[in-house]
Amino acid sequence: MRRYLPVVIVLAAGLFGFLVIRQTDILSSSGGRNHADTGGDMRVVCLAPAVTEIVFALGRGGNVVGRTRYCDRPPEVLSVPVVGDYMSPDVEKIVNLKPDVVIVSKGPGNKGGVRKLQKLGINVRVMSLYSVAEILESIKQIGQALDADEQAQTIVRTIEDSLQTARQRAQTRNPVTALLVVGQDPVIVAASGSLPAELLDIAGGRNLAPMVAGKTYVSIEKERLSAIRPQVLIDATLADGSYTEARREALFEMYKALPGWQDIRVEFVTDDAVYLPGANIAAGAGILQKILYAEEP
């Protein structure tokens, strides 16, 4: 799990930062996992975990010659040289790797590094990963850039089909009012315009997060939180690898201590697919749907 989720939430609360993805359960076009295939001699540097995992999901992991220190999935990427992090890429290291393309996710925190690379004549592709539509388009664009169009189309179709199934199931049931918590101290909830909120909507949830102009993630003080009465609160803050029974129990007791919250259902999710963009977003929507309608996993 990613240990830098709090940084992501802070960035997202302003404009938007970068998020990471998983490619768990995504298959190659041959029907099985095939992360190490290469697309000729193209050399690729990935400056976001999201991008790295899409490249591997497309079967082009063998072309990756540089990554950020946060790019740790799939495990094969750990042997690839590190070229800094998302906001502070090591331009000299990247240039020395002689990449054919550098792929990065869009965000306010990395504009300086991207501009430096572009001024040096490096081919930089910037991907936007803020919504379902943008994620699907980015998978296609990366597939085109790496001569993996067929693999990209297969992944996109699989995601679209799974999301449509979730939507159809939700249409047969009554919407469930909900809050999706993605941060603590203070409590931060996914608001309209964020990817987690979009997945919640697809799953059949009616998001009760406050509307704040220009904010896709909103912090809520406990006093204000107690005035919101969802049918279910979904806490995803333990999906960053910090889960312990003691931590879960402490959060549960905190929620239940809010005035009027004794009868509100509180659920915890430890799968980061519910808030991270990428090839596993359909799984995230499915997890949320099971929680909303109190289904067995």
Protein backbone atom coordinates (compact mmCIF):
# COMPACT_ATOMS: atom_id res chain seq x y z
CA MET A 1 0.00 0.00 0.00
CA ARG A 2 1.08 3.56 -0.61
CA ARG A 3 2.44 5.40 2.44
CA TYR A 4 2.14 8.86 0.85
CA LEU A 5 -1.65 9.03 0.63
CA PRO A 6 -1.81 12.01 3.06
CA VAL A 7 0.33 14.02 0.62
CA VAL A 8 -2.06 13.15 -2.17
CA ILE A 9 -5.06 14.30 -0.17
CA VAL A 10 -3.41 17.60 0.74
CA LEU A 11 -2.68 18.31 -2.93
CA ALA A 12 -6.14 17.22 -3.97
CA ALA A 13 -7.78 19.48 -1.43
CA GLY A 14 -6.30 22.45 -3.29
CA LEU A 15 -6.26 21.76 -7.00
CA PHE A 16 -5.46 18.09 -7.36
CA GLY A 17 -2.37 16.04 -6.94
CA PHE A 18 -1.31 12.70 -8.22
CA LEU A 19 -2.79 9.39 -7.31
CA VAL A 20 -1.65 5.87 -7.85
CA ILE A 21 -3.26 2.82 -9.35
CA ARG A 22 -3.18 -0.93 -9.32
CA GLN A 23 -3.40 -3.33 -12.20
CA THR A 24 -4.46 -6.31 -10.08
CA ASP A 25 -6.55 -8.79 -12.08
CA ILE A 26 -5.85 -7.04 -15.38
CA LEU A 27 -4.89 -9.60 -18.00
CA SER A 28 -2.76 -9.28 -21.10
CA SER A 29 -4.35 -9.76 -24.50
CA SER A 30 -3.05 -13.33 -24.52
CA GLY A 31 -5.28 -14.13 -21.55
CA GLY A 32 -2.75 -14.10 -18.72
CA ARG A 33 -0.48 -11.75 -16.81
CA ASN A 34 2.32 -10.58 -19.08
CA HIS A 35 3.98 -7.59 -17.43
CA ALA A 36 7.51 -8.02 -18.75
CA ASP A 37 6.84 -7.98 -22.50
CA THR A 38 8.59 -5.25 -24.41
CA GLY A 39 7.52 -3.10 -27.34
CA GLY A 40 10.73 -3.02 -29.35
CA ASP A 41 13.61 -0.97 -27.97
CA MET A 42 11.56 1.98 -26.73
CA ARG A 43 12.92 3.37 -23.44
CA VAL A 44 10.28 4.69 -21.05
CA VAL A 45 10.56 6.74 -17.87
CA CYS A 46 7.46 6.80 -15.66
CA LEU A 47 7.10 9.76 -13.31
CA ALA A 48 4.03 8.59 -11.41
CA PRO A 49 3.03 5.25 -9.89
CA ALA A 50 -0.23 5.42 -11.84
CA VAL A 51 1.65 5.61 -15.11
CA THR A 52 4.09 2.88 -14.14
CA GLU A 53 1.34 0.42 -13.37
CA ILE A 54 -0.57 1.21 -16.54
CA VAL A 55 2.58 0.59 -18.57
CA PHE A 56 3.06 -2.79 -16.88
CA ALA A 57 -0.61 -3.65 -17.28
CA LEU A 58 -0.17 -3.02 -21.01
CA GLY A 59 2.65 -5.57 -21.13
CA ARG A 60 5.38 -2.95 -21.62
CA GLY A 61 7.12 -3.23 -18.27
CA GLY A 62 10.34 -4.35 -19.94
CA ASN A 63 10.62 -0.94 -21.56
CA VAL A 64 10.64 0.97 -18.27
CA VAL A 65 14.14 2.31 -17.54
CA GLY A 66 13.27 4.87 -14.85
CA ARG A 67 10.66 5.33 -12.12
CA THR A 68 9.88 7.47 -9.08
CA ARG A 69 10.69 6.21 -5.60
CA TYR A 70 6.95 5.73 -5.04
CA CYS A 71 6.56 3.35 -7.97
CA ASP A 72 6.57 0.02 -6.16
CA ARG A 73 3.94 -2.01 -7.99
CA PRO A 74 4.14 -4.45 -9.62
CA PRO A 75 7.14 -5.94 -7.76
CA GLU A 76 9.13 -6.27 -11.00
CA VAL A 77 9.55 -2.50 -11.13
CA LEU A 78 11.66 -2.42 -7.98
CA SER A 79 14.75 -3.34 -9.99
CA VAL A 80 14.31 -0.26 -12.22
CA PRO A 81 16.49 2.79 -11.37
CA VAL A 82 14.86 5.56 -9.33
CA VAL A 83 14.88 9.06 -10.84
CA GLY A 84 13.57 11.09 -7.91
CA ASP A 85 9.94 11.51 -7.00
CA TYR A 86 6.79 12.94 -8.53
CA MET A 87 7.36 16.56 -7.57
CA SER A 88 11.16 16.56 -7.78
CA PRO A 89 12.31 14.38 -10.67
CA ASP A 90 16.07 14.16 -11.12
CA VAL A 91 16.38 15.73 -14.55
CA GLU A 92 20.05 14.78 -14.98
CA LYS A 93 19.37 11.12 -14.23
CA ILE A 94 16.45 11.10 -16.63
CA VAL A 95 18.49 12.65 -19.44
CA ASN A 96 21.31 10.13 -18.87
CA LEU A 97 18.82 7.28 -19.31
CA LYS A 98 18.20 8.50 -22.88
CA PRO A 99 14.42 7.90 -22.78
CA ASP A 100 12.31 7.85 -25.90
CA VAL A 101 9.37 9.04 -23.84
CA VAL A 102 8.73 10.28 -20.31
CA ILE A 103 5.16 9.75 -19.11
CA VAL A 104 3.76 11.69 -16.16
CA SER A 105 0.37 12.29 -14.56
CA LYS A 106 -0.99 15.83 -14.59
CA GLY A 107 -0.82 17.85 -11.39
CA PRO A 108 0.27 21.23 -10.01
CA GLY A 109 3.15 19.73 -8.06
CA ASN A 110 5.23 18.55 -11.02
CA LYS A 111 4.98 21.40 -13.51
CA GLY A 112 8.55 22.60 -12.90
CA GLY A 113 10.14 19.24 -13.60
CA VAL A 114 8.03 18.68 -16.69
CA ARG A 115 9.00 22.08 -18.12
CA LYS A 116 12.72 21.41 -17.55
CA LEU A 117 12.49 18.11 -19.41
CA GLN A 118 10.56 19.68 -22.28
CA LYS A 119 13.13 22.49 -22.61
CA LEU A 120 15.82 19.82 -23.00
CA GLY A 121 13.92 18.33 -25.91
CA ILE A 122 12.68 15.27 -24.03
CA ASN A 123 9.45 13.74 -25.35
CA VAL A 124 7.06 14.18 -22.39
CA ARG A 125 3.51 12.81 -22.38
CA VAL A 126 1.21 14.20 -19.67
CA MET A 127 -1.77 12.09 -18.63
CA SER A 128 -4.87 13.29 -16.76
CA LEU A 129 -6.26 10.76 -14.27
CA TYR A 130 -8.94 12.70 -12.40
CA SER A 131 -12.09 10.91 -13.60
CA VAL A 132 -13.24 7.62 -15.07
CA ALA A 133 -13.38 9.08 -18.58
CA GLU A 134 -9.89 10.57 -18.26
CA ILE A 135 -8.44 7.33 -16.92
CA LEU A 136 -9.84 5.34 -19.82
CA GLU A 137 -8.55 7.92 -22.31
CA SER A 138 -5.10 7.88 -20.66
CA ILE A 139 -4.89 4.10 -20.93
CA LYS A 140 -5.61 4.43 -24.65
CA GLN A 141 -3.05 7.21 -25.09
CA ILE A 142 -0.32 5.30 -23.27
CA GLY A 143 -1.18 2.24 -25.34
CA GLN A 144 -0.78 4.26 -28.53
CA ALA A 145 2.51 5.73 -27.38
CA LEU A 146 3.93 2.28 -26.56
CA ASP A 147 2.54 0.37 -29.54
CA ALA A 148 0.11 -1.49 -27.28
CA ASP A 149 -3.21 -0.33 -28.75
CA GLU A 150 -4.79 -3.77 -28.67
CA GLN A 151 -3.88 -4.35 -25.02
CA ALA A 152 -5.18 -0.90 -24.10
CA GLN A 153 -8.49 -1.46 -25.87
CA THR A 154 -8.91 -4.78 -24.06
CA ILE A 155 -8.33 -3.19 -20.66
CA VAL A 156 -10.67 -0.27 -21.44
CA ARG A 157 -13.46 -2.57 -22.63
CA THR A 158 -13.14 -4.71 -19.50
CA ILE A 159 -13.39 -1.65 -17.26
CA GLU A 160 -16.33 -0.19 -19.19
CA ASP A 161 -18.24 -3.48 -19.09
CA SER A 162 -17.68 -3.89 -15.35
CA LEU A 163 -18.72 -0.32 -14.57
CA GLN A 164 -21.84 -0.67 -16.69
CA THR A 165 -22.76 -3.81 -14.77
CA ALA A 166 -22.39 -1.90 -11.49
CA ARG A 167 -24.54 0.95 -12.82
CA GLN A 168 -27.28 -1.44 -13.93
CA ARG A 169 -27.32 -3.15 -10.55
CA ALA A 170 -27.56 0.20 -8.77
CA GLN A 171 -30.53 1.21 -10.93
CA THR A 172 -32.54 -1.70 -9.56
CA ARG A 173 -32.13 -0.49 -5.95
CA ASN A 174 -32.76 2.62 -3.91
CA PRO A 175 -29.78 4.99 -3.58
CA VAL A 176 -27.94 4.81 -0.25
CA THR A 177 -26.83 8.07 1.35
CA ALA A 178 -23.15 7.88 2.20
CA LEU A 179 -19.90 9.61 3.09
CA LEU A 180 -16.55 8.31 1.88
CA VAL A 181 -13.71 9.26 4.23
CA VAL A 182 -10.21 9.36 2.74
CA GLY A 183 -8.29 11.28 5.40
CA GLN A 184 -8.15 11.89 9.14
CA ASP A 185 -7.10 14.74 11.46
CA PRO A 186 -9.19 16.45 10.22
CA VAL A 187 -11.70 14.15 8.58
CA ILE A 188 -11.48 14.52 4.80
CA VAL A 189 -14.27 13.24 2.56
CA ALA A 190 -14.43 12.70 -1.18
CA ALA A 191 -16.68 15.39 -2.64
CA SER A 192 -18.31 15.91 -6.01
CA GLY A 193 -15.77 15.98 -8.83
CA SER A 194 -13.36 13.52 -7.23
CA LEU A 195 -12.75 10.03 -8.57
CA PRO A 196 -13.87 8.28 -5.34
CA ALA A 197 -17.13 10.24 -5.41
CA GLU A 198 -17.69 9.20 -9.01
CA LEU A 199 -17.16 5.54 -8.11
CA LEU A 200 -19.53 5.94 -5.18
CA ASP A 201 -22.18 7.34 -7.50
CA ILE A 202 -21.73 4.48 -9.98
CA ALA A 203 -22.10 2.00 -7.12
CA GLY A 204 -25.44 3.49 -6.07
CA GLY A 205 -24.43 5.91 -3.35
CA ARG A 206 -25.83 9.40 -2.85
CA ASN A 207 -22.89 11.42 -1.61
CA LEU A 208 -23.66 13.72 1.33
CA ALA A 209 -20.25 15.41 1.28
CA PRO A 210 -20.54 19.21 1.56
CA MET A 211 -20.19 21.19 -1.64
CA VAL A 212 -17.29 23.66 -1.52
CA ALA A 213 -16.45 25.65 -4.64
CA GLY A 214 -13.24 24.44 -6.25
CA LYS A 215 -12.77 21.56 -3.80
CA THR A 216 -13.04 17.89 -4.72
CA TYR A 217 -11.96 16.81 -1.22
CA VAL A 218 -13.42 18.57 1.80
CA SER A 219 -12.26 18.63 5.42
CA ILE A 220 -14.98 18.44 8.03
CA GLU A 221 -14.72 19.24 11.73
CA LYS A 222 -16.35 16.69 14.03
CA GLU A 223 -19.05 19.13 15.07
CA ARG A 224 -20.07 19.63 11.46
CA LEU A 225 -19.73 15.92 10.70
CA SER A 226 -22.23 15.05 13.43
CA ALA A 227 -24.87 17.12 11.64
CA ILE A 228 -24.58 14.94 8.52
CA ARG A 229 -26.57 11.74 8.86
CA PRO A 230 -25.67 9.26 6.09
CA GLN A 231 -27.07 5.76 6.02
CA VAL A 232 -23.50 4.52 5.87
CA LEU A 233 -20.07 6.03 6.42
CA ILE A 234 -17.28 4.31 4.53
CA ASP A 235 -13.81 4.88 5.96
CA ALA A 236 -10.99 4.15 3.50
CA THR A 237 -8.18 5.71 5.51
CA LEU A 238 -6.80 2.33 6.56
CA ALA A 239 -6.26 1.29 2.94
CA ASP A 240 -2.85 2.99 2.96
CA GLY A 241 -1.25 0.09 4.83
CA SER A 242 -1.86 1.48 8.32
CA TYR A 243 -4.56 -1.02 9.27
CA THR A 244 -4.54 -2.50 12.76
CA GLU A 245 -7.47 -3.72 14.80
CA ALA A 246 -6.66 -1.11 17.42
CA ARG A 247 -6.71 1.69 14.83
CA ARG A 248 -9.98 0.44 13.38
CA GLU A 249 -11.58 0.23 16.81
CA ALA A 250 -10.41 3.73 17.71
CA LEU A 251 -11.93 5.19 14.54
CA PHE A 252 -15.14 3.24 15.02
CA GLU A 253 -15.53 4.56 18.55
CA MET A 254 -14.77 8.10 17.35
CA TYR A 255 -17.59 7.95 14.82
CA LYS A 256 -20.05 6.34 17.20
CA ALA A 257 -19.34 9.02 19.82
CA LEU A 258 -20.69 11.71 17.48
CA PRO A 259 -24.11 12.98 18.61
CA GLY A 260 -26.87 11.12 16.79
CA TRP A 261 -24.52 8.64 15.16
CA GLN A 262 -25.22 5.60 17.31
CA ASP A 263 -27.45 4.01 14.65
CA ILE A 264 -25.39 5.01 11.59
CA ARG A 265 -23.64 2.12 9.89
CA VAL A 266 -19.85 2.54 9.82
CA GLU A 267 -17.82 0.38 7.44
CA PHE A 268 -14.09 0.15 6.82
CA VAL A 269 -12.42 -0.74 3.54
CA THR A 270 -8.77 -1.70 3.22
CA ASP A 271 -8.59 -1.95 -0.58
CA ASP A 272 -7.20 1.22 -2.16
CA ALA A 273 -9.09 0.51 -5.39
CA VAL A 274 -11.96 2.58 -3.97
CA TYR A 275 -10.01 5.83 -4.34
CA LEU A 276 -7.03 5.25 -6.61
CA PRO A 277 -7.26 5.82 -10.37
CA GLY A 278 -6.25 3.29 -12.97
CA ALA A 279 -7.07 -0.11 -14.33
CA ASN A 280 -8.69 -1.30 -11.10
CA ILE A 281 -11.37 1.37 -10.77
CA ALA A 282 -14.13 -1.10 -11.67
CA ALA A 283 -13.10 -3.27 -8.74
CA GLY A 284 -13.30 -0.17 -6.55
CA ALA A 285 -16.86 0.51 -7.65
CA GLY A 286 -17.75 -3.11 -6.97
CA ILE A 287 -16.33 -2.96 -3.45
CA LEU A 288 -18.29 0.20 -2.69
CA GLN A 289 -21.48 -1.36 -4.04
CA LYS A 290 -21.14 -4.38 -1.78
CA ILE A 291 -20.69 -2.08 1.20
CA LEU A 292 -23.57 0.21 0.29
CA TYR A 293 -26.01 -2.67 0.04
CA ALA A 294 -24.48 -4.66 2.93
CA GLU A 295 -23.62 -7.61 0.71
CA GLU A 296 -21.21 -10.36 1.62
CA PRO A 297 -17.75 -9.91 0.01
